[in-house]
Amino acid sequence: MSAFALAWAASAAMRAASLNLCTDEYLLLLARPGQIASISYLGAEPAESVLWNRARGIHRNRGTLESALQVRPNLILTMGGGGKATVTLAARLGLRVIDLAYPRSIADVRAQAVRVAEAVGASDRTGALLAPLDRLQDHSARAADAAYLAGAGSSLDPVSLGAQWLALAGYRQRLLPNGRLSYELLVTKPPKWLIRSDYRAGQWSRSQAWLNHPLVRRLHGRIIPTDGRVWTCGGLPMIAEVARLRRMPH
């Protein structure tokens, strides 16, 4: 290792940088404030992250290693890979890289939380954070026919991570053709409940216009709103949202 790399690695006890919205969530919830060197710009955007207020005063990067180097991190978190060049450059600088796969199950989310906590020396923080999830999983909820509903009628695969969270909340994701609710289905055989995402609801788009169609609005009595931001990653912020959805009458 070069003298520059050794000096870089020794410059701080723990300075973690996240390059991805989903790893931003883990870092903001698990690390102590002084341990966070940088998060992605998405993690600080109110329209994208429910944890944006925790990101105040933290350096924002563009989702690339190069954009985070100026704050001298020694641990890099990302999800989905930043390419071989990212790992190679990080290794040359003496940086540790944790590249998490997108979680496919709630068990994966739990395991990733434990892994990140261990990496930043905050294993003692996982117990309180995961305790509400333990309580939800210890008490099963009656599954009601439902479908997650997002822009343009897009929904969830019944075996997806999102559908697993929905089941924990007491709703059974219906199998839909091409993973989408059509206007025809809403007329002929609508799900008992529509768990409607409010993601960017205040911005006009064709996707949002679909949700405002009279055929959707006529089902207002079946619609339960949900914070669409937490569904993007399906990570730890889902715990509180699932608990809220479980309290809704269904």
Protein backbone atom coordinates (compact mmCIF):
# COMPACT_ATOMS: atom_id res chain seq x y z
CA MET A 1 0.00 0.00 0.00
CA SER A 2 1.37 3.44 -0.89
CA ALA A 3 2.29 6.04 1.75
CA PHE A 4 -0.64 8.16 0.51
CA ALA A 5 -3.06 5.26 0.97
CA LEU A 6 -1.73 4.55 4.47
CA ALA A 7 -2.10 8.18 5.46
CA TRP A 8 -5.64 8.22 4.04
CA ALA A 9 -6.66 5.08 5.93
CA ALA A 10 -5.25 6.37 9.20
CA SER A 11 -6.82 9.82 8.97
CA ALA A 12 -10.03 8.96 10.89
CA ALA A 13 -11.34 6.25 13.20
CA MET A 14 -14.61 5.88 11.29
CA ARG A 15 -15.84 8.00 8.43
CA ALA A 16 -18.49 6.17 6.46
CA ALA A 17 -19.86 7.32 3.13
CA SER A 18 -22.97 5.99 1.43
CA LEU A 19 -23.33 6.23 -2.35
CA ASN A 20 -26.91 4.95 -2.61
CA LEU A 21 -30.30 5.99 -1.24
CA CYS A 22 -30.86 2.57 0.30
CA THR A 23 -27.51 2.46 2.08
CA ASP A 24 -28.13 6.07 3.16
CA GLU A 25 -31.05 4.71 5.19
CA TYR A 26 -28.91 2.15 6.98
CA LEU A 27 -26.20 4.68 7.74
CA LEU A 28 -28.57 7.40 8.95
CA LEU A 29 -30.39 5.00 11.26
CA LEU A 30 -27.45 2.98 12.58
CA ALA A 31 -24.34 5.15 12.62
CA ARG A 32 -23.65 7.83 15.15
CA PRO A 33 -23.72 11.34 13.62
CA GLY A 34 -19.98 11.86 13.86
CA GLN A 35 -19.34 8.65 11.93
CA ILE A 36 -21.16 9.75 8.77
CA ALA A 37 -18.85 11.47 6.29
CA SER A 38 -21.22 11.61 3.32
CA ILE A 39 -24.53 10.35 1.95
CA SER A 40 -26.00 10.46 -1.54
CA TYR A 41 -27.87 13.59 -2.57
CA LEU A 42 -31.08 11.53 -2.69
CA GLY A 43 -30.84 10.74 1.00
CA ALA A 44 -31.11 14.44 1.80
CA GLU A 45 -34.07 15.13 -0.50
CA PRO A 46 -37.47 15.42 1.26
CA ALA A 47 -39.20 14.09 -1.86
CA GLU A 48 -37.10 10.92 -1.83
CA SER A 49 -36.26 10.04 1.76
CA VAL A 50 -38.22 9.98 5.00
CA LEU A 51 -34.87 10.45 6.76
CA TRP A 52 -33.92 13.68 5.00
CA ASN A 53 -34.06 15.67 8.25
CA ARG A 54 -31.36 13.43 9.74
CA ALA A 55 -29.10 14.36 6.83
CA ARG A 56 -28.85 18.04 7.65
CA GLY A 57 -25.27 19.22 7.72
CA ILE A 58 -23.91 16.01 6.20
CA HIS A 59 -21.92 16.18 2.97
CA ARG A 60 -23.86 15.05 -0.10
CA ASN A 61 -22.24 13.07 -2.89
CA ARG A 62 -23.45 12.30 -6.42
CA GLY A 63 -23.55 8.56 -5.93
CA THR A 64 -19.95 8.03 -7.06
CA LEU A 65 -16.82 7.30 -5.08
CA GLU A 66 -15.02 10.26 -6.63
CA SER A 67 -17.65 12.68 -5.37
CA ALA A 68 -17.27 11.39 -1.80
CA LEU A 69 -13.46 11.36 -1.61
CA GLN A 70 -13.16 15.02 -0.68
CA VAL A 71 -14.50 14.25 2.82
CA ARG A 72 -11.94 11.46 3.30
CA PRO A 73 -14.12 8.41 4.12
CA ASN A 74 -12.58 5.11 5.14
CA LEU A 75 -15.74 3.00 4.71
CA ILE A 76 -17.87 3.04 1.55
CA LEU A 77 -21.43 1.68 1.48
CA THR A 78 -23.34 1.11 -1.71
CA MET A 79 -26.04 -1.14 -3.12
CA GLY A 80 -26.21 -2.65 -6.56
CA GLY A 81 -22.56 -2.04 -7.32
CA GLY A 82 -20.61 0.96 -8.44
CA GLY A 83 -18.63 -1.02 -10.97
CA LYS A 84 -15.25 -2.72 -10.74
CA ALA A 85 -13.47 0.62 -11.00
CA THR A 86 -15.04 1.78 -7.73
CA VAL A 87 -13.79 -1.27 -5.84
CA THR A 88 -10.34 -1.02 -7.44
CA LEU A 89 -9.95 2.67 -6.62
CA ALA A 90 -11.22 2.16 -3.08
CA ALA A 91 -8.72 -0.66 -2.53
CA ARG A 92 -5.85 1.51 -3.74
CA LEU A 93 -6.86 4.18 -1.25
CA GLY A 94 -7.08 1.69 1.58
CA LEU A 95 -10.84 2.03 1.86
CA ARG A 96 -13.22 -0.73 2.86
CA VAL A 97 -16.20 -1.21 0.54
CA ILE A 98 -19.47 -2.90 1.49
CA ASP A 99 -21.59 -3.46 -1.62
CA LEU A 100 -24.96 -4.78 -0.49
CA ALA A 101 -27.29 -6.67 -2.80
CA TYR A 102 -30.82 -5.36 -3.07
CA PRO A 103 -32.71 -7.23 -0.33
CA ARG A 104 -35.14 -9.89 -1.50
CA SER A 105 -36.73 -10.58 1.86
CA ILE A 106 -37.34 -9.01 5.26
CA ALA A 107 -34.70 -11.39 6.59
CA ASP A 108 -32.24 -9.81 4.16
CA VAL A 109 -33.08 -6.34 5.50
CA ARG A 110 -32.46 -7.54 9.04
CA ALA A 111 -29.14 -9.17 8.07
CA GLN A 112 -27.97 -6.05 6.24
CA ALA A 113 -28.81 -3.86 9.23
CA VAL A 114 -26.70 -6.10 11.46
CA ARG A 115 -23.84 -6.07 8.95
CA VAL A 116 -23.80 -2.28 8.60
CA ALA A 117 -24.05 -1.82 12.35
CA GLU A 118 -21.06 -4.10 12.87
CA ALA A 119 -19.09 -2.23 10.21
CA VAL A 120 -19.57 1.13 11.91
CA GLY A 121 -19.18 -0.25 15.43
CA ALA A 122 -22.80 0.28 16.37
CA SER A 123 -24.06 -3.25 16.99
CA ASP A 124 -25.58 -2.02 20.24
CA ARG A 125 -28.07 0.08 18.24
CA THR A 126 -29.69 -2.76 16.30
CA GLY A 127 -31.68 -4.15 19.22
CA ALA A 128 -33.89 -1.10 19.71
CA LEU A 129 -34.21 -0.56 15.97
CA LEU A 130 -35.30 -4.12 15.21
CA ALA A 131 -37.47 -4.67 18.30
CA PRO A 132 -40.62 -3.26 16.61
CA LEU A 133 -40.03 -5.65 13.69
CA ASP A 134 -39.75 -8.54 16.13
CA ARG A 135 -43.11 -7.59 17.66
CA LEU A 136 -44.76 -7.39 14.25
CA GLN A 137 -43.42 -10.79 13.24
CA ASP A 138 -44.42 -12.35 16.56
CA HIS A 139 -48.07 -11.42 16.05
CA SER A 140 -49.44 -12.35 12.64
CA ALA A 141 -52.15 -10.24 11.07
CA ARG A 142 -55.17 -11.46 9.10
CA ALA A 143 -54.42 -11.11 5.39
CA ALA A 144 -56.97 -9.11 3.41
CA ASP A 145 -57.17 -9.02 -0.39
CA ALA A 146 -55.21 -5.98 -1.54
CA ALA A 147 -52.94 -4.47 -4.12
CA TYR A 148 -50.23 -1.87 -3.82
CA LEU A 149 -51.00 0.94 -6.24
CA ALA A 150 -48.44 3.35 -7.66
CA GLY A 151 -48.24 5.61 -10.68
CA ALA A 152 -49.72 4.30 -13.94
CA GLY A 153 -51.26 1.41 -12.03
CA SER A 154 -47.97 -0.32 -11.29
CA SER A 155 -48.10 -2.78 -8.40
CA LEU A 156 -46.01 -5.53 -6.77
CA ASP A 157 -45.06 -9.11 -7.49
CA PRO A 158 -46.69 -11.28 -4.79
CA VAL A 159 -43.29 -12.73 -3.83
CA SER A 160 -41.40 -9.45 -3.82
CA LEU A 161 -39.94 -7.73 -0.78
CA GLY A 162 -42.67 -5.11 -0.97
CA ALA A 163 -45.36 -7.79 -0.94
CA GLN A 164 -43.72 -9.37 2.12
CA TRP A 165 -43.94 -6.06 3.96
CA LEU A 166 -47.55 -5.76 2.83
CA ALA A 167 -48.30 -9.22 4.19
CA LEU A 168 -46.74 -8.28 7.53
CA ALA A 169 -49.14 -5.33 7.60
CA GLY A 170 -52.08 -7.67 7.06
CA TYR A 171 -52.66 -7.33 3.32
CA ARG A 172 -52.26 -10.05 0.70
CA GLN A 173 -50.88 -8.71 -2.58
CA ARG A 174 -53.00 -9.93 -5.45
CA LEU A 175 -51.32 -11.53 -8.46
CA LEU A 176 -51.84 -9.11 -11.35
CA PRO A 177 -51.17 -9.43 -15.08
CA ASN A 178 -47.77 -7.86 -15.75
CA GLY A 179 -47.72 -6.56 -12.18
CA ARG A 180 -50.17 -3.81 -13.01
CA LEU A 181 -53.74 -2.83 -12.14
CA SER A 182 -55.72 -1.98 -15.24
CA TYR A 183 -58.79 0.23 -15.37
CA GLU A 184 -60.71 -2.82 -16.58
CA LEU A 185 -59.77 -4.77 -13.46
CA LEU A 186 -60.68 -1.84 -11.24
CA VAL A 187 -64.15 -1.90 -12.79
CA THR A 188 -64.76 -5.65 -12.94
CA LYS A 189 -62.92 -7.07 -9.91
CA PRO A 190 -61.13 -4.49 -7.78
CA PRO A 191 -59.11 -5.65 -4.76
CA LYS A 192 -60.79 -5.13 -1.42
CA TRP A 193 -58.07 -2.62 -0.51
CA LEU A 194 -55.78 -0.42 -2.57
CA ILE A 195 -52.59 0.57 -0.74
CA ARG A 196 -51.90 3.72 -2.71
CA SER A 197 -48.45 5.27 -2.82
CA ASP A 198 -48.32 9.04 -2.40
CA TYR A 199 -44.86 9.25 -3.97
CA ARG A 200 -44.52 12.67 -5.65
CA ALA A 201 -48.31 13.05 -5.54
CA GLY A 202 -48.00 16.84 -5.79
CA GLN A 203 -46.14 16.73 -9.10
CA TRP A 204 -48.02 16.40 -12.37
CA SER A 205 -47.05 13.50 -14.61
CA ARG A 206 -48.82 10.97 -16.76
CA SER A 207 -48.30 8.40 -14.03
CA GLN A 208 -49.99 10.63 -11.45
CA ALA A 209 -52.75 11.50 -13.92
CA TRP A 210 -53.54 7.77 -14.14
CA LEU A 211 -54.13 7.71 -10.38
CA ASN A 212 -56.55 10.62 -10.63
CA HIS A 213 -58.78 8.93 -13.19
CA PRO A 214 -62.48 8.80 -12.14
CA LEU A 215 -62.34 4.98 -12.11
CA VAL A 216 -59.68 5.17 -9.40
CA ARG A 217 -61.32 7.99 -7.46
CA ARG A 218 -64.63 6.11 -7.30
CA LEU A 219 -62.88 3.52 -5.12
CA HIS A 220 -61.89 6.10 -2.51
CA GLY A 221 -63.50 4.03 0.25
CA ARG A 222 -61.09 1.19 -0.50
CA ILE A 223 -57.96 3.32 -0.73
CA ILE A 224 -55.39 3.43 2.08
CA PRO A 225 -52.58 5.93 1.50
CA THR A 226 -48.99 4.94 2.16
CA ASP A 227 -45.74 6.89 2.15
CA GLY A 228 -44.26 5.94 -1.20
CA ARG A 229 -40.75 7.01 -0.23
CA VAL A 230 -40.22 4.07 2.11
CA TRP A 231 -41.17 1.52 -0.56
CA THR A 232 -38.33 2.55 -2.87
CA CYS A 233 -35.76 0.60 -0.87
CA GLY A 234 -38.04 -1.53 1.29
CA GLY A 235 -35.58 -1.15 4.16
CA LEU A 236 -35.72 -0.28 7.83
CA PRO A 237 -38.13 2.71 7.49
CA MET A 238 -40.75 0.18 6.37
CA ILE A 239 -41.08 -1.06 9.96
CA ALA A 240 -42.91 2.05 11.16
CA GLU A 241 -45.04 2.20 8.01
CA VAL A 242 -46.07 -1.45 8.34
CA ALA A 243 -47.05 -0.86 11.97
CA ARG A 244 -49.20 2.09 10.84
CA LEU A 245 -50.84 0.09 8.05
CA ARG A 246 -51.60 -2.75 10.44
CA ARG A 247 -53.57 -0.34 12.62
CA MET A 248 -55.80 0.64 9.70
CA PRO A 249 -59.22 -1.07 9.62
CA HIS A 250 -59.26 -3.95 7.18
